[in-house]
C-alpha atoms as a PDB file:
ATOM      1  CA  UNK A   1     -11.234  17.590  22.868  1.00  0.00           C
ATOM      2  CA  UNK A   2     -10.707  20.051  19.714  1.00  0.00           C
ATOM      3  CA  UNK A   3      -6.895  20.706  20.267  1.00  0.00           C
ATOM      4  CA  UNK A   4      -6.595  17.321  21.977  1.00  0.00           C
ATOM      5  CA  UNK A   5      -4.064  15.799  19.227  1.00  0.00           C
ATOM      6  CA  UNK A   6      -1.904  19.485  19.405  1.00  0.00           C
ATOM      7  CA  UNK A   7      -1.535  18.573  23.177  1.00  0.00           C
ATOM      8  CA  UNK A   8      -0.822  14.776  23.140  1.00  0.00           C
ATOM      9  CA  UNK A   9       2.491  14.436  24.518  1.00  0.00           C
ATOM     10  CA  UNK A  10       2.999  11.718  21.569  1.00  0.00           C
ATOM     11  CA  UNK A  11       2.226  14.793  19.192  1.00  0.00           C
ATOM     12  CA  UNK A  12       5.955  14.602  17.498  1.00  0.00           C
ATOM     13  CA  UNK A  13       5.863  10.497  17.056  1.00  0.00           C
ATOM     14  CA  UNK A  14       3.246  10.893  14.544  1.00  0.00           C
ATOM     15  CA  UNK A  15       5.165  13.249  12.472  1.00  0.00           C
ATOM     16  CA  UNK A  16       8.257  10.959  12.646  1.00  0.00           C
ATOM     17  CA  UNK A  17       6.311   8.236  11.898  1.00  0.00           C
ATOM     18  CA  UNK A  18       4.620   9.524   8.889  1.00  0.00           C
ATOM     19  CA  UNK A  19       8.070  11.131   7.964  1.00  0.00           C
ATOM     20  CA  UNK A  20       9.776   7.783   8.195  1.00  0.00           C
ATOM     21  CA  UNK A  21       7.195   6.170   6.439  1.00  0.00           C
ATOM     22  CA  UNK A  22       7.161   8.061   3.770  1.00  0.00           C
ATOM     23  CA  UNK A  23      10.918   7.680   3.162  1.00  0.00           C
ATOM     24  CA  UNK A  24      10.442   4.384   3.127  1.00  0.00           C
ATOM     25  CA  UNK A  25       7.576   3.950   0.392  1.00  0.00           C
ATOM     26  CA  UNK A  26      10.237   6.569  -1.528  1.00  0.00           C
ATOM     27  CA  UNK A  27      13.261   4.498  -1.151  1.00  0.00           C
ATOM     28  CA  UNK A  28      11.579   1.176  -2.010  1.00  0.00           C
ATOM     29  CA  UNK A  29       9.577   2.743  -5.279  1.00  0.00           C
ATOM     30  CA  UNK A  30      13.010   3.868  -6.431  1.00  0.00           C
ATOM     31  CA  UNK A  31      14.522   0.456  -5.651  1.00  0.00           C
ATOM     32  CA  UNK A  32      11.397  -1.507  -7.532  1.00  0.00           C
ATOM     33  CA  UNK A  33      11.456   1.059 -10.462  1.00  0.00           C
ATOM     34  CA  UNK A  34      15.601   0.608 -11.014  1.00  0.00           C
ATOM     35  CA  UNK A  35      15.196  -2.936 -11.094  1.00  0.00           C
ATOM     36  CA  UNK A  36      12.178  -3.426 -13.438  1.00  0.00           C
ATOM     37  CA  UNK A  37      12.578  -0.530 -15.428  1.00  0.00           C
ATOM     38  CA  UNK A  38       9.507   0.095 -18.029  1.00  0.00           C
ATOM     39  CA  UNK A  39       9.587  -1.363 -21.062  1.00  0.00           C
ATOM     40  CA  UNK A  40       8.844   0.732 -24.322  1.00  0.00           C
ATOM     41  CA  UNK A  41       6.934  -2.103 -25.912  1.00  0.00           C
ATOM     42  CA  UNK A  42       5.886  -5.822 -24.790  1.00  0.00           C
ATOM     43  CA  UNK A  43       6.137  -7.525 -21.752  1.00  0.00           C
ATOM     44  CA  UNK A  44       8.208  -7.650 -18.876  1.00  0.00           C
ATOM     45  CA  UNK A  45       8.817 -10.277 -16.577  1.00  0.00           C
ATOM     46  CA  UNK A  46      11.494 -10.412 -13.273  1.00  0.00           C
ATOM     47  CA  UNK A  47      11.397 -13.300 -10.513  1.00  0.00           C
ATOM     48  CA  UNK A  48      12.741 -12.345  -7.806  1.00  0.00           C
ATOM     49  CA  UNK A  49      11.649 -12.966  -3.945  1.00  0.00           C
ATOM     50  CA  UNK A  50      13.312 -10.204  -2.461  1.00  0.00           C
ATOM     51  CA  UNK A  51      11.888  -7.807  -4.732  1.00  0.00           C
ATOM     52  CA  UNK A  52       8.180  -9.326  -4.364  1.00  0.00           C
ATOM     53  CA  UNK A  53       9.439  -8.742  -0.559  1.00  0.00           C
ATOM     54  CA  UNK A  54      10.453  -4.912  -0.911  1.00  0.00           C
ATOM     55  CA  UNK A  55       7.179  -4.670  -2.976  1.00  0.00           C
ATOM     56  CA  UNK A  56       5.195  -6.039  -0.327  1.00  0.00           C
ATOM     57  CA  UNK A  57       6.396  -3.924   2.560  1.00  0.00           C
ATOM     58  CA  UNK A  58       5.740  -0.613   0.421  1.00  0.00           C
ATOM     59  CA  UNK A  59       2.552  -1.764   0.180  1.00  0.00           C
ATOM     60  CA  UNK A  60       2.583  -2.021   4.217  1.00  0.00           C
ATOM     61  CA  UNK A  61       3.647   0.897   4.604  1.00  0.00           C
ATOM     62  CA  UNK A  62       1.605   3.011   2.151  1.00  0.00           C
ATOM     63  CA  UNK A  63      -1.243   1.252   3.894  1.00  0.00           C
ATOM     64  CA  UNK A  64       0.034   3.075   7.293  1.00  0.00           C
ATOM     65  CA  UNK A  65       0.739   6.521   5.951  1.00  0.00           C
ATOM     66  CA  UNK A  66      -3.227   6.187   4.620  1.00  0.00           C
ATOM     67  CA  UNK A  67      -4.665   5.257   7.828  1.00  0.00           C
ATOM     68  CA  UNK A  68      -2.154   8.363   9.480  1.00  0.00           C
ATOM     69  CA  UNK A  69      -4.153  10.252   6.519  1.00  0.00           C
ATOM     70  CA  UNK A  70      -7.290   9.235   6.179  1.00  0.00           C
ATOM     71  CA  UNK A  71     -10.073  11.208   7.853  1.00  0.00           C
ATOM     72  CA  UNK A  72     -12.540   8.745   8.784  1.00  0.00           C
ATOM     73  CA  UNK A  73     -16.176   8.579   8.038  1.00  0.00           C
ATOM     74  CA  UNK A  74     -17.583   6.629  10.885  1.00  0.00           C
ATOM     75  CA  UNK A  75     -16.400   5.007  13.798  1.00  0.00           C
ATOM     76  CA  UNK A  76     -14.672   1.516  13.889  1.00  0.00           C
ATOM     77  CA  UNK A  77     -16.207  -1.526  15.372  1.00  0.00           C
ATOM     78  CA  UNK A  78     -13.915  -1.396  18.733  1.00  0.00           C
ATOM     79  CA  UNK A  79     -13.272   2.095  18.756  1.00  0.00           C
ATOM     80  CA  UNK A  80     -14.727   4.796  21.390  1.00  0.00           C
ATOM     81  CA  UNK A  81     -16.073   7.698  20.575  1.00  0.00           C
ATOM     82  CA  UNK A  82     -13.249   9.814  22.088  1.00  0.00           C
ATOM     83  CA  UNK A  83     -10.727   7.139  20.049  1.00  0.00           C
ATOM     84  CA  UNK A  84     -12.542   7.858  16.779  1.00  0.00           C
ATOM     85  CA  UNK A  85     -12.735  12.038  17.365  1.00  0.00           C
ATOM     86  CA  UNK A  86      -9.121  11.796  18.510  1.00  0.00           C
ATOM     87  CA  UNK A  87      -8.292   9.743  15.013  1.00  0.00           C
ATOM     88  CA  UNK A  88     -10.539  12.204  13.075  1.00  0.00           C
ATOM     89  CA  UNK A  89      -8.427  15.561  14.282  1.00  0.00           C
ATOM     90  CA  UNK A  90      -4.868  13.617  13.989  1.00  0.00           C
ATOM     91  CA  UNK A  91      -5.734  12.896  10.028  1.00  0.00           C
ATOM     92  CA  UNK A  92      -7.297  16.413   9.605  1.00  0.00           C
ATOM     93  CA  UNK A  93      -4.281  18.064  11.267  1.00  0.00           C
ATOM     94  CA  UNK A  94      -1.289  15.792   9.944  1.00  0.00           C
ATOM     95  CA  UNK A  95      -2.759  16.639   6.571  1.00  0.00           C
ATOM     96  CA  UNK A  96      -3.314  19.939   7.129  1.00  0.00           C
ATOM     97  CA  UNK A  97       0.040  20.460   8.340  1.00  0.00           C
ATOM     98  CA  UNK A  98       1.563  18.366   5.203  1.00  0.00           C
ATOM     99  CA  UNK A  99      -0.462  20.568   2.627  1.00  0.00           C
ATOM    100  CA  UNK A 100      -3.176  18.086   1.838  1.00  0.00           C
ATOM    101  CA  UNK A 101      -1.237  16.054  -0.915  1.00  0.00           C
ATOM    102  CA  UNK A 102      -3.297  13.759  -3.009  1.00  0.00           C
ATOM    103  CA  UNK A 103      -2.764   9.639  -1.573  1.00  0.00           C
ATOM    104  CA  UNK A 104      -5.615   8.569  -4.080  1.00  0.00           C
ATOM    105  CA  UNK A 105      -2.731   5.738  -5.425  1.00  0.00           C
ATOM    106  CA  UNK A 106      -1.559   4.618  -1.630  1.00  0.00           C
ATOM    107  CA  UNK A 107      -5.558   4.841  -0.983  1.00  0.00           C
ATOM    108  CA  UNK A 108      -5.951   2.160  -3.784  1.00  0.00           C
ATOM    109  CA  UNK A 109      -6.738  -0.965  -2.104  1.00  0.00           C
ATOM    110  CA  UNK A 110      -6.660  -3.172  -4.949  1.00  0.00           C
ATOM    111  CA  UNK A 111      -3.072  -3.390  -5.457  1.00  0.00           C
ATOM    112  CA  UNK A 112      -2.262  -4.209  -1.770  1.00  0.00           C
ATOM    113  CA  UNK A 113      -5.013  -7.037  -2.111  1.00  0.00           C
ATOM    114  CA  UNK A 114      -3.092  -8.476  -5.131  1.00  0.00           C
ATOM    115  CA  UNK A 115      -0.124  -9.078  -2.541  1.00  0.00           C
ATOM    116  CA  UNK A 116      -1.990  -9.558   0.975  1.00  0.00           C
ATOM    117  CA  UNK A 117      -4.594 -12.312  -0.424  1.00  0.00           C
ATOM    118  CA  UNK A 118      -2.447 -13.488  -2.898  1.00  0.00           C
ATOM    119  CA  UNK A 119      -3.309 -16.889  -0.965  1.00  0.00           C
ATOM    120  CA  UNK A 120      -7.138 -16.650  -2.033  1.00  0.00           C
ATOM    121  CA  UNK A 121      -5.860 -15.708  -6.004  1.00  0.00           C
ATOM    122  CA  UNK A 122      -3.595 -18.884  -6.225  1.00  0.00           C
ATOM    123  CA  UNK A 123      -6.630 -21.015  -4.574  1.00  0.00           C
ATOM    124  CA  UNK A 124      -9.179 -19.683  -7.302  1.00  0.00           C
ATOM    125  CA  UNK A 125      -6.370 -20.467  -9.890  1.00  0.00           C
ATOM    126  CA  UNK A 126      -5.634 -23.594  -8.743  1.00  0.00           C
ATOM    127  CA  UNK A 127      -9.147 -25.104  -8.836  1.00  0.00           C
ATOM    128  CA  UNK A 128      -9.696 -23.150 -12.450  1.00  0.00           C
ATOM    129  CA  UNK A 129      -6.625 -25.190 -13.794  1.00  0.00           C
ATOM    130  CA  UNK A 130      -7.593 -28.473 -12.302  1.00  0.00           C
ATOM    131  CA  UNK A 131      -8.094 -31.520 -14.669  1.00  0.00           C
ATOM    132  CA  UNK A 132      -7.071 -28.597 -17.380  1.00  0.00           C
ATOM    133  CA  UNK A 133      -4.402 -29.361 -20.287  1.00  0.00           C
ATOM    134  CA  UNK A 134      -2.542 -26.189 -20.187  1.00  0.00           C
ATOM    135  CA  UNK A 135      -1.736 -23.757 -17.417  1.00  0.00           C
ATOM    136  CA  UNK A 136       0.708 -21.814 -16.133  1.00  0.00           C
ATOM    137  CA  UNK A 137       2.268 -20.915 -12.863  1.00  0.00           C
ATOM    138  CA  UNK A 138       3.430 -17.248 -11.565  1.00  0.00           C
ATOM    139  CA  UNK A 139       5.327 -16.991  -8.236  1.00  0.00           C
ATOM    140  CA  UNK A 140       7.334 -14.117  -7.006  1.00  0.00           C
ATOM    141  CA  UNK A 141       7.555 -12.077  -9.920  1.00  0.00           C
ATOM    142  CA  UNK A 142       6.694  -8.638 -11.579  1.00  0.00           C
ATOM    143  CA  UNK A 143       4.659  -8.788 -14.275  1.00  0.00           C
ATOM    144  CA  UNK A 144       3.961  -5.735 -16.392  1.00  0.00           C
ATOM    145  CA  UNK A 145       2.896  -4.503 -20.129  1.00  0.00           C
ATOM    146  CA  UNK A 146       3.910  -0.855 -21.146  1.00  0.00           C
ATOM    147  CA  UNK A 147       0.755  -1.425 -23.261  1.00  0.00           C
ATOM    148  CA  UNK A 148      -1.718  -0.839 -20.225  1.00  0.00           C
ATOM    149  CA  UNK A 149       0.511   0.693 -17.740  1.00  0.00           C
ATOM    150  CA  UNK A 150      -0.392  -1.646 -15.038  1.00  0.00           C
ATOM    151  CA  UNK A 151       1.761  -3.656 -13.084  1.00  0.00           C
ATOM    152  CA  UNK A 152       0.967  -6.747 -10.915  1.00  0.00           C
ATOM    153  CA  UNK A 153       2.836  -8.430  -8.373  1.00  0.00           C
ATOM    154  CA  UNK A 154       2.193 -12.111  -7.822  1.00  0.00           C
END
């Protein structure tokens, strides 16, 4: 099974999928940064459901790149031993083929979770604000602070 991935009649599909995802993520990142230029100081707020959708889709596509390139350490719950070994070889071969670039940024789950689990964050905020005299709500927007160099989608 050592060359099974390379012998797969679908080998080219993995390469095309990886290329397509990378192109899409790059295009969407440029779009986001063009629409939300960094501020020299202070904060930045932009309300845009369309931009929020772009951010959510590029985070999902980044997760798919991570799944294609990350060499797993253990077999998945519903995965056979053969599937696991194939996945290890697939990720290893793809990483070697593209020069093992760092995927540290797209491997961070916190950013994606802030969008994918928005309902949970909203529930916690709602509970915390029940009965409070002051509070605020922010939806479908981008907040950033140049000082912290962090950006969060809500």
